[in-house]
Structures are given as structure tokens and as C-alpha cells.
Protein backbone atom coordinates (compact mmCIF):
# COMPACT_ATOMS: atom_id res chain seq x y z
CA MET A 1 85.13 45.36 70.06
CA LEU A 2 86.12 42.77 73.26
CA SER A 3 81.68 42.15 73.40
CA HIS A 4 81.14 38.76 72.93
CA LYS A 5 84.20 37.83 72.16
CA SER A 6 86.68 35.39 72.59
CA ILE A 7 89.89 36.44 73.53
CA LEU A 8 93.98 33.86 74.51
CA ILE A 9 96.59 35.42 76.39
CA THR A 10 100.35 33.94 76.24
CA GLY A 11 102.24 34.47 78.64
CA GLY A 12 98.89 35.76 80.73
CA THR A 13 99.64 34.84 84.79
CA GLY A 14 103.02 37.81 83.66
CA SER A 15 102.96 41.68 85.36
CA PHE A 16 100.82 42.29 81.31
CA GLY A 17 98.24 39.17 81.44
CA LYS A 18 97.25 39.57 84.57
CA ALA A 19 96.72 43.38 84.55
CA PHE A 20 94.81 43.24 81.02
CA VAL A 21 92.96 40.09 82.77
CA GLN A 22 91.32 42.60 85.37
CA THR A 23 91.04 45.04 82.65
CA VAL A 24 88.58 43.16 80.65
CA LEU A 25 87.12 41.40 83.08
CA GLN A 26 85.39 44.71 84.17
CA ARG A 27 85.31 46.39 80.98
CA TYR A 28 83.61 43.78 79.26
CA PRO A 29 81.55 42.05 82.28
CA ASP A 30 79.80 40.44 78.81
CA ILE A 31 83.07 38.93 77.36
CA ARG A 32 82.34 35.04 76.26
CA ARG A 33 85.59 33.58 76.69
CA LEU A 34 89.39 34.45 78.04
CA VAL A 35 91.21 32.04 77.77
CA VAL A 36 94.75 32.52 80.11
CA PHE A 37 97.53 30.39 78.09
CA SER A 38 101.38 29.73 79.56
CA ARG A 39 103.30 27.39 81.31
CA ASP A 40 103.09 27.33 84.32
CA GLU A 41 101.09 25.53 86.42
CA LEU A 42 101.49 27.74 89.56
CA LYS A 43 101.40 31.47 88.81
CA GLN A 44 97.81 29.96 86.86
CA PHE A 45 97.02 28.20 90.80
CA GLU A 46 97.58 32.00 92.03
CA MET A 47 95.52 33.59 89.46
CA ALA A 48 92.62 31.94 89.81
CA GLN A 49 92.53 33.08 93.58
CA ALA A 50 92.19 36.44 92.53
CA PHE A 51 89.96 35.50 89.15
CA PRO A 52 87.59 32.52 90.04
CA ASP A 53 85.92 31.05 87.57
CA THR A 54 82.92 30.78 90.43
CA GLN A 55 82.81 34.66 89.55
CA TYR A 56 83.95 35.01 86.09
CA PRO A 57 82.43 32.17 83.77
CA ALA A 58 83.60 33.24 80.92
CA ILE A 59 87.97 32.70 81.75
CA ARG A 60 89.94 29.15 81.45
CA TYR A 61 93.36 28.55 82.53
CA PHE A 62 95.35 26.26 79.51
CA ILE A 63 99.04 24.80 80.62
CA GLY A 64 101.11 25.31 77.31
CA ASP A 65 104.16 26.54 75.82
CA VAL A 66 104.31 28.69 73.10
CA ARG A 67 107.05 26.33 71.77
CA ASP A 68 104.22 23.65 71.69
CA GLY A 69 103.02 24.09 67.66
CA GLU A 70 99.91 22.09 68.76
CA ARG A 71 98.87 22.66 71.86
CA LEU A 72 98.90 26.33 69.94
CA ARG A 73 96.14 25.65 68.10
CA ARG A 74 94.61 22.91 70.10
CA ALA A 75 93.93 26.75 72.54
CA MET A 76 92.38 28.21 69.71
CA GLU A 77 90.32 26.69 68.84
CA GLY A 78 86.92 29.13 68.90
CA ILE A 79 89.19 31.97 69.98
CA GLU A 80 88.91 35.33 68.03
CA VAL A 81 91.63 37.73 69.98
CA VAL A 82 95.05 36.78 70.81
CA ILE A 83 97.61 39.05 72.50
CA HIS A 84 100.82 37.66 72.27
CA ALA A 85 103.00 38.31 75.78
CA ALA A 86 104.28 35.90 76.79
CA ALA A 87 108.86 35.58 76.04
CA LEU A 88 111.81 35.06 77.24
CA LYS A 89 112.88 38.93 79.36
CA GLN A 90 116.10 38.49 80.99
CA VAL A 91 118.35 40.28 79.22
CA PRO A 92 121.94 37.83 81.11
CA ALA A 93 119.66 34.63 80.71
CA ALA A 94 119.41 35.11 78.05
CA GLU A 95 122.94 36.29 76.01
CA TYR A 96 124.38 33.05 77.96
CA ASN A 97 121.00 30.46 76.88
CA PRO A 98 120.70 32.17 73.50
CA PHE A 99 118.99 29.77 71.82
CA GLU A 100 116.49 29.06 74.31
CA CYS A 101 115.00 32.35 73.96
CA ILE A 102 115.39 32.10 70.20
CA LYS A 103 113.34 29.20 70.63
CA THR A 104 110.69 31.10 72.55
CA ASN A 105 111.01 34.49 71.39
CA VAL A 106 110.84 33.42 67.87
CA LEU A 107 109.95 29.52 66.79
CA GLY A 108 106.99 30.79 69.66
CA ALA A 109 106.43 33.81 67.85
CA GLN A 110 105.90 31.65 64.94
CA ASN A 111 104.18 28.68 66.11
CA VAL A 112 101.45 31.49 67.80
CA ILE A 113 101.27 33.17 63.94
CA GLU A 114 100.76 29.61 62.20
CA ALA A 115 98.10 28.66 65.06
CA CYS A 116 96.59 31.80 64.35
CA LEU A 117 96.60 30.85 60.44
CA ASP A 118 94.65 27.44 61.29
CA THR A 119 92.30 28.55 63.14
CA ASP A 120 90.07 31.57 63.70
CA VAL A 121 91.62 33.99 64.96
CA ARG A 122 90.75 37.91 63.43
CA ARG A 123 93.61 40.01 65.19
CA VAL A 124 96.66 39.95 67.01
CA VAL A 125 98.75 42.19 68.64
CA ALA A 126 102.18 41.10 69.86
CA LEU A 127 104.16 42.82 72.48
CA SER A 128 107.48 43.82 72.29
CA THR A 129 110.20 46.04 73.89
CA ASP A 130 112.16 49.24 73.43
CA LYS A 131 115.19 47.09 73.20
CA ALA A 132 113.55 45.65 69.26
CA ALA A 133 114.79 48.58 67.69
CA ALA A 134 118.29 48.28 66.71
CA PRO A 135 118.98 46.14 68.82
CA ILE A 136 122.92 45.65 71.18
CA ASN A 137 121.59 42.24 73.66
CA LEU A 138 120.19 38.54 72.41
CA TYR A 139 117.05 39.93 73.90
CA GLY A 140 116.10 42.37 71.82
CA ALA A 141 117.58 40.55 68.35
CA THR A 142 115.39 37.93 69.07
CA LYS A 143 112.37 40.55 69.53
CA LEU A 144 112.72 41.89 66.46
CA CYS A 145 112.57 38.81 64.72
CA SER A 146 109.31 38.28 66.71
CA ASP A 147 108.68 41.75 65.50
CA LYS A 148 109.64 40.67 61.75
CA LEU A 149 107.70 37.44 61.77
CA PHE A 150 104.15 39.13 63.45
CA THR A 151 103.98 42.64 60.40
CA ALA A 152 105.04 40.52 57.56
CA ALA A 153 102.38 37.47 58.66
CA ASN A 154 99.60 39.57 57.32
CA ASN A 155 101.64 39.04 53.56
CA ILE A 156 100.43 35.64 53.98
CA LYS A 157 96.51 35.87 55.72
CA GLY A 158 95.43 35.65 52.05
CA ASN A 159 91.62 36.56 52.01
CA ARG A 160 90.88 36.11 56.08
CA ASP A 161 89.57 38.81 58.01
CA LEU A 162 92.99 39.06 60.20
CA HIS A 163 95.47 41.17 61.05
CA PHE A 164 98.61 41.19 62.85
CA SER A 165 100.23 44.48 64.57
CA VAL A 166 102.86 44.88 67.40
CA VAL A 167 103.21 47.40 70.38
CA ARG A 168 106.07 48.73 71.64
CA TYR A 169 107.19 50.53 74.58
CA GLY A 170 109.86 50.74 77.48
CA ASN A 171 110.46 49.99 80.88
CA VAL A 172 106.84 48.97 82.83
CA MET A 173 107.12 50.85 86.26
CA GLY A 174 107.66 48.28 89.02
CA SER A 175 107.73 45.66 86.83
CA ARG A 176 109.35 42.22 88.00
CA GLY A 177 113.35 42.30 87.74
CA SER A 178 112.93 45.95 87.23
CA VAL A 179 115.17 48.71 88.41
CA ILE A 180 112.59 50.18 90.80
CA PRO A 181 112.05 46.73 92.80
CA PHE A 182 115.69 46.53 92.61
CA PHE A 183 116.56 49.40 94.24
CA LEU A 184 113.74 49.69 96.55
CA GLU A 185 114.73 45.81 98.25
CA ARG A 186 119.08 47.75 97.89
CA ARG A 187 118.32 51.07 99.66
CA LYS A 188 117.98 49.51 103.23
CA THR A 189 121.63 48.31 102.68
CA GLY A 190 122.46 52.49 102.27
CA VAL A 191 124.13 51.75 98.43
CA LEU A 192 122.33 52.14 95.98
CA PRO A 193 124.08 51.25 92.28
CA ILE A 194 123.97 53.18 89.49
CA THR A 195 125.28 51.95 86.22
CA ASP A 196 125.80 54.80 84.29
CA PRO A 197 124.67 58.34 86.01
CA ALA A 198 124.16 59.56 82.10
CA MET A 199 121.22 55.81 81.78
CA THR A 200 117.94 57.59 81.14
CA ARG A 201 114.96 54.89 80.53
CA PHE A 202 111.76 55.11 79.07
CA ASN A 203 108.40 54.69 81.48
CA ILE A 204 105.39 53.04 81.32
CA SER A 205 102.45 52.20 83.83
CA LEU A 206 100.73 48.65 83.05
CA GLN A 207 97.70 50.37 82.78
CA GLU A 208 99.12 52.53 80.11
CA GLY A 209 100.81 49.47 78.30
CA VAL A 210 97.22 47.30 78.83
CA ASP A 211 94.94 50.41 77.54
CA MET A 212 97.32 51.08 74.25
CA VAL A 213 97.04 47.16 73.73
CA LEU A 214 92.99 47.95 73.65
CA TRP A 215 93.23 50.53 71.53
CA VAL A 216 95.01 49.14 68.91
CA LEU A 217 92.57 45.98 68.22
CA GLU A 218 90.04 48.70 68.43
CA ASN A 219 92.52 50.78 65.74
CA ALA A 220 95.28 49.25 63.82
CA LEU A 221 94.90 48.08 60.23
CA GLY A 222 97.88 45.56 60.14
CA GLY A 223 101.62 45.75 59.69
CA GLU A 224 102.26 48.37 62.06
CA ILE A 225 104.35 47.88 65.35
CA PHE A 226 102.63 51.12 67.36
CA VAL A 227 105.26 52.89 69.56
CA PRO A 228 103.43 55.60 72.49
CA LYS A 229 104.80 59.28 73.52
CA ILE A 230 105.72 59.03 76.68
CA PRO A 231 108.16 60.14 79.68
CA SER A 232 110.99 59.08 80.57
CA TYR A 233 113.78 59.24 83.42
CA ARG A 234 117.24 59.19 84.28
CA VAL A 235 118.30 56.16 86.64
CA VAL A 236 120.00 58.38 89.12
CA ASP A 237 116.47 60.65 89.65
CA VAL A 238 115.19 56.64 90.54
CA ALA A 239 117.93 56.56 93.16
CA ARG A 240 117.47 59.69 94.52
CA ALA A 241 113.38 59.67 94.94
CA ILE A 242 113.92 55.80 96.66
CA GLY A 243 116.56 57.08 98.59
CA PRO A 244 117.57 60.32 99.16
CA GLU A 245 119.52 59.08 102.09
CA CYS A 246 121.38 56.63 100.17
CA GLU A 247 124.64 56.84 98.68
CA LEU A 248 124.86 56.33 94.48
CA SER A 249 127.65 53.81 93.67
CA VAL A 250 128.43 53.89 89.81
CA VAL A 251 129.28 49.97 88.69
CA GLY A 252 129.42 50.53 85.44
CA ILE A 253 126.68 48.80 82.16
CA ARG A 254 126.46 45.58 82.01
CA PRO A 255 127.02 43.58 78.76
CA GLY A 256 124.08 43.99 76.41
CA GLU A 257 122.64 47.60 78.06
CA LYS A 258 122.33 51.09 76.46
CA ILE A 259 122.88 54.38 77.99
CA HIS A 260 120.36 55.54 76.41
CA GLU A 261 116.91 53.30 75.37
CA GLU A 262 115.76 53.49 71.77
CA MET A 263 111.82 53.18 70.26
CA ILE A 264 112.26 54.73 67.00
CA THR A 265 115.78 54.57 64.62
CA GLY A 266 116.46 57.41 61.48
CA SER A 267 116.02 54.52 60.39
CA ASP A 268 112.46 53.35 60.42
CA SER A 269 111.86 57.90 60.36
CA PHE A 270 110.75 56.44 56.55
CA ASN A 271 107.90 54.77 57.39
CA THR A 272 106.49 56.32 60.84
CA VAL A 273 103.42 58.01 60.87
CA ASP A 274 102.50 60.22 63.73
CA LEU A 275 98.50 59.59 64.55
CA GLY A 276 98.88 61.70 68.08
CA ARG A 277 99.09 59.21 71.36
CA TYR A 278 101.00 56.95 69.90
CA PHE A 279 103.14 56.53 66.46
CA ALA A 280 103.30 53.58 64.10
CA ILE A 281 106.01 52.14 62.14
CA LEU A 282 104.98 50.52 58.76
CA PRO A 283 106.42 47.56 57.03
CA SER A 284 108.67 48.92 54.25
CA ALA A 285 106.50 45.77 52.14
CA GLY A 286 103.58 46.38 53.61
CA ASN A 287 99.78 47.03 52.30
CA HIS A 288 99.53 50.77 52.38
CA SER A 289 101.82 53.76 51.49
CA VAL A 290 103.11 55.95 54.16
CA GLU A 291 100.43 58.25 52.48
CA GLN A 292 97.84 55.77 52.22
CA TYR A 293 98.18 55.63 55.31
CA CYS A 294 97.41 59.16 56.38
CA ALA A 295 94.76 59.84 54.44
CA LEU A 296 93.47 56.92 55.80
CA THR A 297 93.66 57.59 60.05
CA GLY A 298 94.10 61.05 59.21
CA GLY A 299 98.06 61.01 60.79
CA LEU A 300 101.02 62.79 59.62
CA PRO A 301 104.55 61.20 58.03
CA VAL A 302 107.65 61.95 60.67
CA ALA A 303 110.26 64.17 59.54
CA PRO A 304 112.87 61.86 57.34
CA GLY A 305 115.48 60.89 59.51
CA TYR A 306 113.96 61.48 63.09
CA ALA A 307 114.29 59.55 66.27
CA TYR A 308 112.48 58.78 69.03
CA ASP A 309 115.21 57.78 72.26
CA SER A 310 115.07 58.42 75.82
CA GLY A 311 118.01 60.44 76.20
CA SER A 312 116.47 62.56 73.47
CA ASN A 313 112.71 62.83 75.29
CA PRO A 314 111.69 66.46 75.81
CA ASP A 315 109.25 64.76 78.25
CA PHE A 316 111.31 63.94 81.37
CA LEU A 317 110.03 62.95 84.79
CA SER A 318 111.37 64.90 87.25
CA VAL A 319 112.70 63.34 90.99
CA GLU A 320 109.22 64.39 92.80
CA GLN A 321 106.65 63.26 89.83
CA LEU A 322 108.85 59.59 90.17
CA ARG A 323 108.54 59.54 93.61
CA GLN A 324 104.35 60.06 93.83
CA LEU A 325 104.18 57.52 90.73
CA ILE A 326 106.47 55.17 92.68
CA ALA A 327 103.93 55.34 95.84
CA ASP A 328 100.63 54.84 93.60
CA GLN A 329 101.75 52.96 90.84
CA VAL A 330 104.60 50.33 92.55
CA LEU A 331 104.54 50.23 96.87
CA THR A 332 100.21 50.53 96.30
CA THR A 333 100.37 47.32 95.37
CA ASN A 334 103.45 44.77 96.75
């Protein structure tokens, strides 16, 4: 799929971006060009030490912000594949600075879409979040808007061979600002703060996220929101895995937090197809009905009213599984 192709990734210096770049360079050594597009020159400098252009001649580092449509169009000249990973993601910061979040996550998404329409891009995958399903905070609401923009972009592509799709998944294990590095830091105090004893979250590794995006690039028909089948964990079990001797202090949930995260709501079920490893939520005004999509992909419609959330998920990680995953995927990379 990516051999001899030119790719651009927005937010390319983030956790996902670095893992995506590393995977692509390993699996597709004959890639023509790989553009890392982000606004932080220090992170680009640091990333260039790990992936120097002398060793990887296909790689390019572009300073730019998705708020700047002209810069995006310039960066996308000759690009065939776009991965949109740039976003403002911190829930409290978004609540305090709402329009800044809107400018990046909503207006920036539309800038990416328009730049793709104005150039020769053929495949686009935008990264979303479980917080976009029935959102209760501004970050989730902006990502839901972004999802709608990307899926609807398929309606205005004309005769272009251009597909827009979205990937929605849960918390990336060990990502910056998430609960695992926070607990690892706080365990030396002997007390781990728990928001709510019942709280659960989905879990996915960085590599699983990268592999899913690559699968979507290969298989998407356009307009889908893809959701992976992944395990859940209880936040108290994460605390027990990291600090078994620590006291657990219940501090209450933060504004904008859910007890359980959702990825497919009951209202989504009427347009959702089970593809085996993944679900696909189809747009209500898309090019394919559920029946047509199932015939094309071999998928099966989910039951009416089906919902997929971290609390009712049948697949939960145990304390021992969490401890092993943290040792393998978090501690070894820090």
C-alpha cells in the first residue's frame, strides 16, 4: 500500500506520530517521501536525531500548524496519503481555553480536508478518540465535529479517487498525560489518587494503533469511523499493578470525565458493521447502505441498540496482565 508513496502526518512529533514513522520506515524502506508536519521545532529537532535524513532520505520535517491552511497546501504538494494526528487533547485545558481547542481540532480539521481536496491526495485517515462518542466535554465535542467533517468530506470529493476515513480508539497505554505515567510518578509518595472506584477505560498500545491505521489505509471504502475491539481495565487495578503497597485515595471525578468510556453508542448501532477485528460506523448519508457495505466487506450488522463501552466490555485486563504490559510497553520505553 505505501511502497513508493508519499505520506504526510500532521502532529508527526507526537507519541503516535513517532511510532507511525518508525513502523513505516521499517516496513516500507522504498517509501518515496515521509513528511513530519508539526508546529514544535524542538520536537522535530529531537526526532531528527532518531530518524536522520542521512539514514532515511525519504523523511522531511515541515514546521507548520493545521490552523494555517496555506502552509498545509504547500506541505501536501505531491503527497498521496495523509494521516491527521494533530490535536489539542488535554480535557482541562480545552475546558479553560475552548476556542483554542476549536481552532485546532475543528477548523484545523477542515483545513486538512480542503488542502487534500486542493492537491493530489488519495487516502486520508484522521485519528479520533473514544471521547467523541456521546461527548460530555469540549475536547470530545470538537473531535466529534472533526469526525463529522472527515466522513462528510467524501460527499464533496467529486470524481477524485479520494477516500476520507476516521479511526476511533481508547486510551493509549503509557501516553503522555495518561493515568499510568501519573501513577508511576506518584507511587513514590505512597498514595495513589483514584477518581472513582468504578472507573474503567479502554486500552490500546501505540503499535496496535499504528497497525490499525495501516489496515484502514488498505481497506477503507471511505466515510467509516473504525473502532477496534480492545480490552478494558479498571483504574483501581492499574493502581494495584503499579503500587500494590500504596494507599488508594478516592478524590472524585474531574469535570468532563466519564465513569466508563464509550466508543459505539446505541444510536450508532443502526449504522455499525462488525468486521471481525474492528467495527465500522457508517455515515447516515454515505455512499453505501449497511447491507451494501456488508456485501462488499463480508461484515455483519450489529444488533439494534448495541453499545460498546469500557464498563460492559467482556474483555478486561487483570492486575497481573496490566503489570506485565506496563513492564513491556511503558517502562522499557522510558
